[in-house]
Structure formats: structure tokens, C-alpha cells
Protein backbone atom coordinates (compact mmCIF):
# COMPACT_ATOMS: atom_id res chain seq x y z
CA UNK A 1 269.63 -26.71 -139.57
CA UNK A 2 267.18 -29.45 -138.83
CA UNK A 3 265.48 -31.87 -141.16
CA UNK A 4 262.77 -29.41 -142.15
CA UNK A 5 265.23 -26.83 -143.32
CA UNK A 6 264.69 -24.46 -140.45
CA UNK A 7 267.34 -22.96 -138.41
CA UNK A 8 267.29 -23.66 -134.73
CA UNK A 9 267.87 -20.59 -132.68
CA UNK A 10 268.89 -20.70 -129.12
CA UNK A 11 266.82 -18.31 -127.06
CA UNK A 12 268.86 -16.42 -124.58
CA UNK A 13 267.30 -15.71 -121.23
CA UNK A 14 266.67 -12.07 -120.45
CA UNK A 15 268.28 -10.88 -117.28
CA UNK A 16 266.36 -7.58 -117.28
CA UNK A 17 263.56 -6.81 -114.85
CA UNK A 18 260.41 -5.45 -116.38
CA UNK A 19 259.67 -2.47 -114.09
CA UNK A 20 256.55 -1.21 -115.86
CA UNK A 21 254.10 -3.28 -113.72
CA UNK A 22 255.88 -2.14 -110.55
CA UNK A 23 255.56 1.50 -111.57
CA UNK A 24 251.85 1.00 -112.26
CA UNK A 25 251.32 -0.57 -108.85
CA UNK A 26 253.26 2.20 -107.12
CA UNK A 27 251.21 4.91 -108.84
CA UNK A 28 247.97 3.24 -107.80
CA UNK A 29 249.19 2.95 -104.20
CA UNK A 30 250.31 6.58 -104.25
CA UNK A 31 246.85 7.71 -105.36
CA UNK A 32 245.17 5.54 -102.72
CA UNK A 33 247.37 6.96 -99.94
CA UNK A 34 246.88 10.54 -101.15
CA UNK A 35 243.11 10.11 -101.04
CA UNK A 36 242.94 8.29 -97.70
CA UNK A 37 245.58 10.27 -95.75
CA UNK A 38 243.38 13.34 -95.11
CA UNK A 39 240.58 11.08 -93.92
CA UNK A 40 242.66 9.41 -91.23
CA UNK A 41 242.19 10.53 -87.63
CA UNK A 42 245.59 11.71 -86.42
CA UNK A 43 244.63 12.09 -82.76
CA UNK A 44 244.05 9.41 -80.18
CA UNK A 45 241.36 9.81 -77.56
CA UNK A 46 242.81 9.21 -74.12
CA UNK A 47 240.82 9.22 -70.91
CA UNK A 48 243.34 10.71 -68.48
CA UNK A 49 243.06 9.98 -64.77
CA UNK A 50 241.90 12.67 -62.36
CA UNK A 51 244.42 14.15 -59.98
CA UNK A 52 244.54 16.73 -57.23
CA UNK A 53 248.24 17.42 -57.82
CA UNK A 54 249.45 20.94 -57.31
CA UNK A 55 251.36 22.96 -59.89
CA UNK A 56 255.11 22.59 -60.03
CA UNK A 57 256.95 25.11 -57.93
CA UNK A 58 259.29 27.43 -59.76
CA UNK A 59 262.55 28.62 -58.29
CA UNK A 60 261.84 32.21 -59.36
CA UNK A 61 258.66 34.18 -59.46
CA UNK A 62 257.54 34.92 -63.01
CA UNK A 63 257.11 38.34 -64.50
CA UNK A 64 253.67 38.91 -66.02
CA UNK A 65 252.79 41.09 -69.00
CA UNK A 66 249.07 41.78 -68.84
CA UNK A 67 246.98 42.79 -71.86
CA UNK A 68 243.63 44.27 -70.81
CA UNK A 69 240.34 44.43 -72.67
CA UNK A 70 241.29 47.71 -74.40
CA UNK A 71 244.69 46.38 -75.53
CA UNK A 72 246.74 48.33 -72.97
CA UNK A 73 249.83 46.72 -71.45
CA UNK A 74 250.70 46.39 -67.77
CA UNK A 75 253.78 44.86 -66.19
CA UNK A 76 253.66 42.85 -62.96
CA UNK A 77 257.15 42.38 -61.54
CA UNK A 78 258.12 39.47 -59.26
CA UNK A 79 257.37 40.23 -55.62
CA UNK A 80 255.06 43.12 -56.55
CA UNK A 81 251.42 42.27 -57.26
CA UNK A 82 250.55 45.81 -58.37
CA UNK A 83 250.38 46.10 -62.17
CA UNK A 84 252.28 49.04 -63.62
CA UNK A 85 250.74 50.50 -66.79
CA UNK A 86 253.35 50.82 -69.54
CA UNK A 87 253.40 51.80 -73.18
CA UNK A 88 254.62 49.44 -75.86
CA UNK A 89 258.01 51.19 -76.03
CA UNK A 90 258.44 51.22 -72.25
CA UNK A 91 257.52 47.55 -72.04
CA UNK A 92 260.13 46.59 -74.64
CA UNK A 93 262.83 48.65 -72.94
CA UNK A 94 262.10 47.31 -69.45
CA UNK A 95 261.91 43.68 -70.59
CA UNK A 96 265.16 44.05 -72.53
CA UNK A 97 266.91 45.46 -69.42
CA UNK A 98 265.58 42.66 -67.21
CA UNK A 99 266.55 39.94 -69.71
CA UNK A 100 270.07 41.41 -69.97
CA UNK A 101 270.41 41.07 -66.18
CA UNK A 102 268.70 37.67 -65.92
CA UNK A 103 268.32 35.70 -69.20
CA UNK A 104 266.41 32.89 -67.42
CA UNK A 105 263.63 35.13 -66.11
CA UNK A 106 260.23 33.46 -66.53
CA UNK A 107 257.74 35.69 -68.37
CA UNK A 108 254.03 35.04 -68.79
CA UNK A 109 251.49 36.88 -70.91
CA UNK A 110 248.06 37.24 -69.31
CA UNK A 111 245.60 38.34 -71.97
CA UNK A 112 242.02 39.24 -71.11
CA UNK A 113 239.65 36.62 -72.51
CA UNK A 114 237.73 39.28 -74.42
CA UNK A 115 240.78 41.22 -75.56
CA UNK A 116 241.73 41.56 -79.20
CA UNK A 117 243.92 38.55 -80.03
CA UNK A 118 246.14 40.74 -82.22
CA UNK A 119 247.21 42.73 -79.14
CA UNK A 120 248.22 39.50 -77.36
CA UNK A 121 250.24 38.46 -80.41
CA UNK A 122 251.82 41.92 -80.55
CA UNK A 123 252.92 41.44 -76.92
CA UNK A 124 254.49 38.08 -77.82
CA UNK A 125 256.35 39.65 -80.77
CA UNK A 126 257.48 42.51 -78.53
CA UNK A 127 258.86 40.03 -75.98
CA UNK A 128 260.61 38.06 -78.70
CA UNK A 129 262.20 41.27 -80.00
CA UNK A 130 263.41 42.05 -76.47
CA UNK A 131 265.35 38.79 -76.39
CA UNK A 132 262.99 36.58 -74.38
CA UNK A 133 263.56 32.94 -75.30
CA UNK A 134 260.54 31.33 -73.59
CA UNK A 135 257.16 32.87 -72.96
CA UNK A 136 254.17 31.24 -71.27
CA UNK A 137 250.52 32.10 -71.78
CA UNK A 138 248.45 32.29 -68.61
CA UNK A 139 245.00 30.80 -68.30
CA UNK A 140 242.49 29.98 -65.61
CA UNK A 141 241.03 26.49 -65.34
CA UNK A 142 237.30 26.26 -65.98
CA UNK A 143 235.26 25.69 -62.85
CA UNK A 144 233.32 22.46 -63.10
CA UNK A 145 230.05 22.15 -61.24
CA UNK A 146 229.39 19.34 -58.79
CA UNK A 147 232.84 19.16 -57.18
């Protein structure tokens, strides 16, 4: 006791961290990032140099599955430029037989630009079901005027 009759208490220091302000700050930052993330531009514009380089040569000629404007399938075998009209069942059977003989056979799908996109996707699913691991989609470069 001191002279005034009061007890003197020793205040112990708290060793606890008050995390409530940190949680408040984190919630505010979370909200800010959630609002701004969709607004961010994820792509980077790059002006690539022009080149007259040729396409890479492949060791094997690719096989081409063609989808025409009406959704019919045709198969173009390596070394034979003549398309052979096939049904969906025949196409699956022939691709499966070729992949069993040569699992690394390159296969491309050439879909007509005006064809129904569902038919092109059906061809991709058919090739996947036949065991093809990698399929390429064929396209033609746009012709630019002035060159």
C-alpha cells in the first residue's frame, strides 16, 4: 500500500498479438483484389517481326480427315492426295487400325470454313476415341494485299 491507502498493482505486459486489425485489413485487400482482378488486362500486345521462314518439315506425311460443308467425312492418306469418302464408323475403324500400326502418325482435321462446327468437334471426338493422342487443325493463312 502507498500513503494514500491504495494498492499498487504491477501491470503485466501482454504478450498476445491483437489480430483483429490485421483481419480487417486483409478483408479489405481481398475485396479490392476481387473487384480489380477482372478489370486487369491479362494479355500483352507484342509486335512480332516479319519473317519469310518456311514451315518445319515433318519426318512423316500427315493423314488428313476432311469435313466438308455438308458434314461428310473424307480421309486423305499419306502419299495419296485423293480424298476417300468414309462414314463415321469406317473412319473410326480405319484410324484405329492405322494408330495400332503407327502410334506416332500425324493426323490433321481440315474442316470447311462454312461447315457446322459440331461436325468438326465430332471428328475430333471420333479421333480421340480411336486412340489418337495429338490432332492438329488445318488452316490457310489469310492473303494480305500489297505484298
